[in-house]
C-alpha cells in the first residue's frame, strides 16, 4: 500500500533526499511526517488486514495525518471512528424511466460516468497537445 500511496502522491526518490533503496513505507513516512495530510483509502474490505496495518503504522508516525477509509468492515485500529453510511436506494423493478433516472443510485452512476468522460477528454487533450511539434 505504501508504494501505491507514493505513486498517487507523485513522489519520486530524488525529491526525498534520502536513500533511494529505502523501503516504500519509510519513504512515505518521510514524505508526509510533517505535512497536514488527508489520505483516502477506498474499498479497504478487499485488503482489510494490510489496510489496517498500513493505517496503524503511518498514523503512529505522522501526527498530522488523517485517514478516511471506506470499508464494509472496520479496520479495528486504535482511535478509529466509525460512520455508518446507508446504501443508496435503487428504483423498483417496475419503475418507469423517469423514476429510474431520478433514483439516487442512478444519478450517482451518471455523475461518475460523466466525470470519468470529462477526465478522459482532458487527458486526451493534454496528450494531443503534448505530442505536437
N, C-alpha and C. Protein backbone atom coordinates (compact mmCIF):
# COMPACT_ATOMS: atom_id res chain seq x y z
N UNK A 1 0.82 -1.20 0.00
CA UNK A 1 0.00 0.00 0.00
C UNK A 1 0.86 1.26 0.00
N UNK A 2 2.01 1.19 0.63
CA UNK A 2 2.88 2.36 0.70
C UNK A 2 3.35 2.77 -0.70
N UNK A 3 3.71 1.79 -1.52
CA UNK A 3 4.18 2.09 -2.88
C UNK A 3 3.07 2.73 -3.70
N UNK A 4 1.85 2.23 -3.58
CA UNK A 4 0.71 2.81 -4.29
C UNK A 4 0.44 4.23 -3.82
N UNK A 5 0.58 4.46 -2.53
CA UNK A 5 0.36 5.80 -1.98
C UNK A 5 1.43 6.77 -2.47
N UNK A 6 2.67 6.33 -2.49
CA UNK A 6 3.75 7.17 -3.03
C UNK A 6 3.46 7.54 -4.48
N UNK A 7 3.04 6.56 -5.26
CA UNK A 7 2.74 6.82 -6.67
C UNK A 7 1.58 7.80 -6.80
N UNK A 8 0.53 7.62 -5.99
CA UNK A 8 -0.62 8.52 -6.05
C UNK A 8 -0.23 9.95 -5.67
N UNK A 9 0.72 10.09 -4.76
CA UNK A 9 1.19 11.42 -4.35
C UNK A 9 2.20 12.00 -5.33
N UNK A 10 2.64 11.20 -6.28
CA UNK A 10 3.61 11.67 -7.27
C UNK A 10 5.00 11.85 -6.69
N UNK A 11 5.34 11.06 -5.69
CA UNK A 11 6.63 11.19 -5.01
C UNK A 11 7.70 10.39 -5.75
N UNK A 12 8.80 11.05 -6.02
CA UNK A 12 9.96 10.39 -6.63
C UNK A 12 11.08 10.35 -5.61
N UNK A 13 11.93 9.34 -5.71
CA UNK A 13 13.04 9.18 -4.76
C UNK A 13 13.93 10.42 -4.70
N UNK A 14 14.18 11.03 -5.82
CA UNK A 14 15.10 12.17 -5.87
C UNK A 14 14.59 13.33 -5.02
N UNK A 15 13.28 13.42 -4.87
CA UNK A 15 12.70 14.53 -4.11
C UNK A 15 12.87 14.36 -2.61
N UNK A 16 13.11 13.13 -2.17
CA UNK A 16 13.19 12.88 -0.73
C UNK A 16 14.55 13.19 -0.13
N UNK A 17 15.59 13.15 -0.95
CA UNK A 17 16.92 13.45 -0.45
C UNK A 17 17.51 12.34 0.39
N UNK A 18 16.81 11.22 0.51
CA UNK A 18 17.31 10.10 1.30
C UNK A 18 17.82 8.99 0.39
N UNK A 19 17.98 7.85 0.98
CA UNK A 19 18.47 6.69 0.24
C UNK A 19 17.38 6.19 -0.71
N UNK A 20 17.69 6.07 -2.00
CA UNK A 20 16.69 5.63 -2.96
C UNK A 20 16.28 4.17 -2.76
N UNK A 21 17.05 3.40 -2.01
CA UNK A 21 16.71 1.99 -1.78
C UNK A 21 15.94 1.79 -0.48
N UNK A 22 15.48 2.87 0.14
CA UNK A 22 14.70 2.77 1.38
C UNK A 22 13.37 2.06 1.09
N UNK A 23 12.85 1.43 2.11
CA UNK A 23 11.55 0.76 1.99
C UNK A 23 10.46 1.77 1.66
N UNK A 24 9.46 1.38 0.85
CA UNK A 24 8.39 2.31 0.50
C UNK A 24 7.70 2.93 1.71
N UNK A 25 7.47 2.15 2.77
CA UNK A 25 6.81 2.69 3.96
C UNK A 25 7.66 3.78 4.60
N UNK A 26 8.96 3.56 4.69
CA UNK A 26 9.86 4.57 5.26
C UNK A 26 9.89 5.82 4.39
N UNK A 27 9.87 5.65 3.08
CA UNK A 27 9.85 6.80 2.16
C UNK A 27 8.54 7.58 2.31
N UNK A 28 7.43 6.86 2.43
CA UNK A 28 6.15 7.53 2.60
C UNK A 28 6.12 8.32 3.90
N UNK A 29 6.54 7.72 4.97
CA UNK A 29 6.56 8.40 6.26
C UNK A 29 7.45 9.64 6.21
N UNK A 30 8.60 9.53 5.58
CA UNK A 30 9.49 10.70 5.44
C UNK A 30 8.81 11.81 4.64
N UNK A 31 7.99 11.43 3.69
CA UNK A 31 7.31 12.40 2.84
C UNK A 31 6.21 13.15 3.57
N UNK A 32 5.42 12.44 4.38
CA UNK A 32 4.24 13.08 4.97
C UNK A 32 4.35 13.34 6.47
N UNK A 33 5.44 12.99 7.09
CA UNK A 33 5.56 13.09 8.55
C UNK A 33 5.17 14.47 9.08
N UNK A 34 5.64 15.53 8.47
CA UNK A 34 5.40 16.89 8.98
C UNK A 34 4.28 17.62 8.24
N UNK A 35 3.65 16.95 7.29
CA UNK A 35 2.61 17.60 6.49
C UNK A 35 1.23 17.30 7.04
N UNK A 36 0.37 18.30 7.02
CA UNK A 36 -1.04 18.08 7.34
C UNK A 36 -1.66 17.42 6.11
N UNK A 37 -2.08 16.17 6.26
CA UNK A 37 -2.48 15.37 5.11
C UNK A 37 -3.75 14.60 5.40
N UNK A 38 -4.62 14.52 4.41
CA UNK A 38 -5.77 13.63 4.45
C UNK A 38 -5.53 12.56 3.40
N UNK A 39 -5.47 11.33 3.83
CA UNK A 39 -5.24 10.20 2.95
C UNK A 39 -6.54 9.40 2.87
N UNK A 40 -7.02 9.16 1.66
CA UNK A 40 -8.27 8.44 1.48
C UNK A 40 -7.96 7.04 0.97
N UNK A 41 -8.40 6.05 1.71
CA UNK A 41 -8.24 4.65 1.35
C UNK A 41 -9.63 4.10 1.04
N UNK A 42 -9.84 3.68 -0.19
CA UNK A 42 -11.17 3.26 -0.63
C UNK A 42 -11.25 1.75 -0.78
N UNK A 43 -12.38 1.19 -0.43
CA UNK A 43 -12.65 -0.25 -0.56
C UNK A 43 -11.68 -1.10 0.24
N UNK A 44 -11.43 -0.74 1.46
CA UNK A 44 -10.46 -1.46 2.29
C UNK A 44 -10.88 -2.89 2.61
N UNK A 45 -12.17 -3.20 2.48
CA UNK A 45 -12.60 -4.56 2.83
C UNK A 45 -11.91 -5.63 1.99
N UNK A 46 -11.40 -5.24 0.84
CA UNK A 46 -10.71 -6.19 -0.04
C UNK A 46 -9.30 -6.51 0.45
N UNK A 47 -8.74 -5.62 1.25
CA UNK A 47 -7.37 -5.78 1.77
C UNK A 47 -7.34 -5.35 3.23
N UNK A 48 -8.31 -5.79 4.01
CA UNK A 48 -8.55 -5.24 5.35
C UNK A 48 -7.33 -5.36 6.27
N UNK A 49 -6.65 -6.48 6.25
CA UNK A 49 -5.51 -6.65 7.16
C UNK A 49 -4.35 -5.74 6.79
N UNK A 50 -4.02 -5.68 5.51
CA UNK A 50 -2.90 -4.80 5.11
C UNK A 50 -3.29 -3.33 5.25
N UNK A 51 -4.56 -2.99 5.01
CA UNK A 51 -5.01 -1.61 5.19
C UNK A 51 -4.92 -1.21 6.66
N UNK A 52 -5.32 -2.10 7.55
CA UNK A 52 -5.26 -1.81 8.98
C UNK A 52 -3.82 -1.65 9.44
N UNK A 53 -2.95 -2.54 9.01
CA UNK A 53 -1.54 -2.46 9.38
C UNK A 53 -0.91 -1.17 8.84
N UNK A 54 -1.21 -0.86 7.59
CA UNK A 54 -0.70 0.36 6.96
C UNK A 54 -1.17 1.60 7.72
N UNK A 55 -2.48 1.68 7.97
CA UNK A 55 -3.03 2.85 8.66
C UNK A 55 -2.46 3.00 10.07
N UNK A 56 -2.35 1.90 10.79
CA UNK A 56 -1.80 1.93 12.14
C UNK A 56 -0.37 2.47 12.14
N UNK A 57 0.43 2.01 11.21
CA UNK A 57 1.84 2.45 11.16
C UNK A 57 1.97 3.92 10.80
N UNK A 58 1.32 4.34 9.71
CA UNK A 58 1.51 5.75 9.30
C UNK A 58 0.86 6.72 10.28
N UNK A 59 -0.27 6.34 10.85
CA UNK A 59 -0.89 7.23 11.85
C UNK A 59 -0.02 7.35 13.09
N UNK A 60 0.68 6.27 13.46
CA UNK A 60 1.56 6.30 14.62
C UNK A 60 2.78 7.18 14.42
N UNK A 61 3.20 7.36 13.19
CA UNK A 61 4.42 8.13 12.91
C UNK A 61 4.17 9.51 12.31
N UNK A 62 2.97 9.75 11.85
CA UNK A 62 2.65 11.02 11.19
C UNK A 62 1.47 11.66 11.93
N UNK A 63 1.78 12.46 12.93
CA UNK A 63 0.77 13.01 13.83
C UNK A 63 -0.21 13.95 13.16
N UNK A 64 0.15 14.54 12.02
CA UNK A 64 -0.74 15.48 11.35
C UNK A 64 -1.55 14.80 10.24
N UNK A 65 -1.42 13.50 10.14
CA UNK A 65 -2.12 12.72 9.13
C UNK A 65 -3.51 12.32 9.63
N UNK A 66 -4.47 12.39 8.74
CA UNK A 66 -5.81 11.87 8.98
C UNK A 66 -6.11 10.91 7.83
N UNK A 67 -6.80 9.82 8.15
CA UNK A 67 -7.17 8.85 7.13
C UNK A 67 -8.68 8.71 7.10
N UNK A 68 -9.23 8.76 5.90
CA UNK A 68 -10.63 8.45 5.67
C UNK A 68 -10.62 7.13 4.90
N UNK A 69 -11.09 6.07 5.54
CA UNK A 69 -11.09 4.75 4.91
C UNK A 69 -12.52 4.30 4.68
N UNK A 70 -12.81 3.84 3.47
CA UNK A 70 -14.11 3.26 3.22
C UNK A 70 -13.96 1.75 3.23
N UNK A 71 -14.90 1.10 3.91
CA UNK A 71 -14.83 -0.35 4.03
C UNK A 71 -16.17 -0.87 4.54
N UNK A 72 -16.45 -2.10 4.22
CA UNK A 72 -17.66 -2.75 4.74
C UNK A 72 -17.43 -3.31 6.13
N UNK A 73 -16.19 -3.27 6.58
CA UNK A 73 -15.86 -3.70 7.93
C UNK A 73 -14.82 -2.77 8.52
N UNK A 74 -14.79 -2.62 9.83
CA UNK A 74 -13.84 -1.70 10.46
C UNK A 74 -12.40 -2.18 10.33
N UNK A 75 -11.47 -1.21 10.37
CA UNK A 75 -10.05 -1.55 10.38
C UNK A 75 -9.64 -2.11 11.74
N UNK A 76 -10.39 -1.75 12.76
CA UNK A 76 -10.14 -2.21 14.13
C UNK A 76 -8.78 -1.76 14.65
N UNK A 77 -8.48 -0.46 14.46
CA UNK A 77 -7.25 0.11 14.98
C UNK A 77 -7.60 1.15 16.03
N UNK A 78 -6.65 1.46 16.90
CA UNK A 78 -6.83 2.43 17.97
C UNK A 78 -7.21 3.79 17.38
N UNK A 79 -8.23 4.41 17.95
CA UNK A 79 -8.64 5.74 17.53
C UNK A 79 -9.60 5.76 16.36
N UNK A 80 -9.95 4.61 15.84
CA UNK A 80 -10.86 4.56 14.68
C UNK A 80 -12.25 5.01 15.09
N UNK A 81 -12.85 5.88 14.29
CA UNK A 81 -14.23 6.32 14.48
C UNK A 81 -15.03 5.79 13.29
N UNK A 82 -16.13 5.11 13.60
CA UNK A 82 -16.94 4.50 12.54
C UNK A 82 -18.11 5.40 12.19
N UNK A 83 -18.42 5.46 10.91
CA UNK A 83 -19.55 6.23 10.42
C UNK A 83 -20.30 5.34 9.45
N UNK A 84 -21.48 4.90 9.86
CA UNK A 84 -22.29 4.01 9.04
C UNK A 84 -22.96 4.82 7.92
N UNK A 85 -22.78 4.39 6.70
CA UNK A 85 -23.40 5.04 5.55
C UNK A 85 -24.40 4.07 4.95
N UNK A 86 -25.63 4.50 4.85
CA UNK A 86 -26.68 3.65 4.29
C UNK A 86 -26.52 3.56 2.77
N UNK A 87 -26.85 2.41 2.20
CA UNK A 87 -26.76 2.28 0.74
C UNK A 87 -27.80 3.17 0.05
N UNK A 88 -27.50 3.57 -1.17
CA UNK A 88 -28.45 4.36 -1.94
C UNK A 88 -29.62 3.48 -2.37
N UNK A 89 -30.80 4.08 -2.40
CA UNK A 89 -31.99 3.34 -2.81
C UNK A 89 -31.96 3.08 -4.31
N UNK A 90 -32.37 1.89 -4.67
CA UNK A 90 -32.48 1.51 -6.08
C UNK A 90 -33.93 1.68 -6.52
N UNK A 91 -34.15 1.92 -7.80
CA UNK A 91 -35.54 2.02 -8.27
C UNK A 91 -36.22 0.65 -8.21
N UNK A 92 -37.53 0.67 -8.09
CA UNK A 92 -38.29 -0.59 -8.08
C UNK A 92 -38.17 -1.28 -9.43
N UNK A 93 -38.34 -2.58 -9.43
CA UNK A 93 -38.22 -3.35 -10.68
C UNK A 93 -39.22 -2.89 -11.73
N UNK A 94 -40.39 -2.43 -11.30
CA UNK A 94 -41.41 -2.00 -12.26
C UNK A 94 -41.43 -0.47 -12.44
N UNK A 95 -40.35 0.20 -12.08
CA UNK A 95 -40.29 1.67 -12.16
C UNK A 95 -40.29 2.12 -13.63
N UNK A 96 -40.92 3.26 -13.85
CA UNK A 96 -40.89 3.82 -15.21
C UNK A 96 -39.57 4.55 -15.42
N UNK A 97 -39.23 4.90 -16.67
CA UNK A 97 -37.93 5.53 -16.96
C UNK A 97 -37.66 6.80 -16.15
N UNK A 98 -38.68 7.59 -15.87
CA UNK A 98 -38.49 8.80 -15.08
C UNK A 98 -38.09 8.49 -13.64
N UNK A 99 -38.72 7.47 -13.05
CA UNK A 99 -38.39 7.07 -11.69
C UNK A 99 -36.98 6.47 -11.63
N UNK A 100 -36.62 5.72 -12.66
CA UNK A 100 -35.28 5.14 -12.72
C UNK A 100 -34.24 6.25 -12.79
N UNK A 101 -34.45 7.19 -13.67
CA UNK A 101 -33.48 8.28 -13.86
C UNK A 101 -33.35 9.16 -12.62
N UNK A 102 -34.43 9.30 -11.84
CA UNK A 102 -34.37 10.18 -10.67
C UNK A 102 -33.89 9.46 -9.40
N UNK A 103 -33.64 8.16 -9.45
CA UNK A 103 -33.18 7.46 -8.25
C UNK A 103 -31.76 7.90 -7.90
N UNK A 104 -31.45 7.90 -6.61
CA UNK A 104 -30.12 8.35 -6.15
C UNK A 104 -29.00 7.49 -6.73
N UNK A 105 -29.19 6.19 -6.78
CA UNK A 105 -28.14 5.29 -7.28
C UNK A 105 -27.84 5.57 -8.75
N UNK A 106 -28.88 5.77 -9.55
CA UNK A 106 -28.68 6.03 -10.98
C UNK A 106 -28.07 7.41 -11.18
N UNK A 107 -28.49 8.40 -10.40
CA UNK A 107 -27.90 9.73 -10.51
C UNK A 107 -26.42 9.70 -10.18
N UNK A 108 -26.04 8.98 -9.13
CA UNK A 108 -24.62 8.87 -8.78
C UNK A 108 -23.84 8.19 -9.90
N UNK A 109 -24.38 7.11 -10.44
CA UNK A 109 -23.72 6.41 -11.54
C UNK A 109 -23.53 7.35 -12.73
N UNK A 110 -24.55 8.09 -13.08
CA UNK A 110 -24.44 9.03 -14.21
C UNK A 110 -23.41 10.12 -13.93
N UNK A 111 -23.38 10.63 -12.71
CA UNK A 111 -22.39 11.65 -12.35
C UNK A 111 -20.97 11.12 -12.47
N UNK A 112 -20.74 9.90 -11.98
CA UNK A 112 -19.40 9.28 -12.04
C UNK A 112 -18.98 9.00 -13.47
N UNK A 113 -19.90 8.52 -14.30
CA UNK A 113 -19.59 8.28 -15.71
C UNK A 113 -19.26 9.60 -16.41
N UNK A 114 -20.04 10.63 -16.12
CA UNK A 114 -19.78 11.94 -16.71
C UNK A 114 -18.43 12.49 -16.30
N UNK A 115 -18.08 12.33 -15.02
CA UNK A 115 -16.78 12.81 -14.53
C UNK A 115 -15.64 12.03 -15.19
N UNK A 116 -15.82 10.74 -15.34
CA UNK A 116 -14.78 9.92 -15.98
C UNK A 116 -14.61 10.32 -17.44
N UNK A 117 -15.70 10.60 -18.12
CA UNK A 117 -15.61 11.03 -19.52
C UNK A 117 -14.90 12.37 -19.64
N UNK A 118 -15.21 13.30 -18.73
CA UNK A 118 -14.54 14.61 -18.77
C UNK A 118 -13.05 14.45 -18.51
N UNK A 119 -12.69 13.60 -17.57
CA UNK A 119 -11.29 13.35 -17.26
C UNK A 119 -10.59 12.71 -18.46
N UNK A 120 -11.25 11.74 -19.07
CA UNK A 120 -10.68 11.08 -20.25
C UNK A 120 -10.50 12.10 -21.37
N UNK A 121 -11.46 12.97 -21.55
CA UNK A 121 -11.37 14.00 -22.58
C UNK A 121 -10.23 14.96 -22.28
N UNK A 122 -10.08 15.35 -21.02
CA UNK A 122 -9.00 16.24 -20.61
C UNK A 122 -7.64 15.57 -20.85
N UNK A 123 -7.52 14.29 -20.47
CA UNK A 123 -6.27 13.56 -20.70
C UNK A 123 -5.95 13.47 -22.18
N UNK A 124 -6.97 13.21 -22.99
CA UNK A 124 -6.77 13.13 -24.43
C UNK A 124 -6.27 14.48 -24.96
N UNK A 125 -6.89 15.58 -24.50
CA UNK A 125 -6.49 16.91 -24.97
C UNK A 125 -5.06 17.21 -24.56
N UNK A 126 -4.69 16.88 -23.32
CA UNK A 126 -3.33 17.13 -22.87
C UNK A 126 -2.33 16.30 -23.66
N UNK A 127 -2.65 15.04 -23.89
CA UNK A 127 -1.76 14.19 -24.68
C UNK A 127 -1.62 14.71 -26.10
N UNK A 128 -2.73 15.17 -26.67
CA UNK A 128 -2.71 15.68 -28.04
C UNK A 128 -1.76 16.88 -28.15
N UNK A 129 -1.86 17.81 -27.23
CA UNK A 129 -1.01 18.99 -27.29
C UNK A 129 0.42 18.73 -26.85
N UNK A 130 0.62 17.77 -26.00
CA UNK A 130 1.95 17.43 -25.53
C UNK A 130 2.80 16.86 -26.66
N UNK A 131 2.17 16.15 -27.60
CA UNK A 131 2.91 15.50 -28.67
C UNK A 131 2.94 16.31 -29.96
N UNK A 132 2.48 17.53 -29.91
CA UNK A 132 2.54 18.39 -31.10
C UNK A 132 3.93 18.97 -31.25
N UNK A 133 4.38 19.11 -32.50
CA UNK A 133 5.73 19.72 -32.72
C UNK A 133 5.76 21.19 -32.37
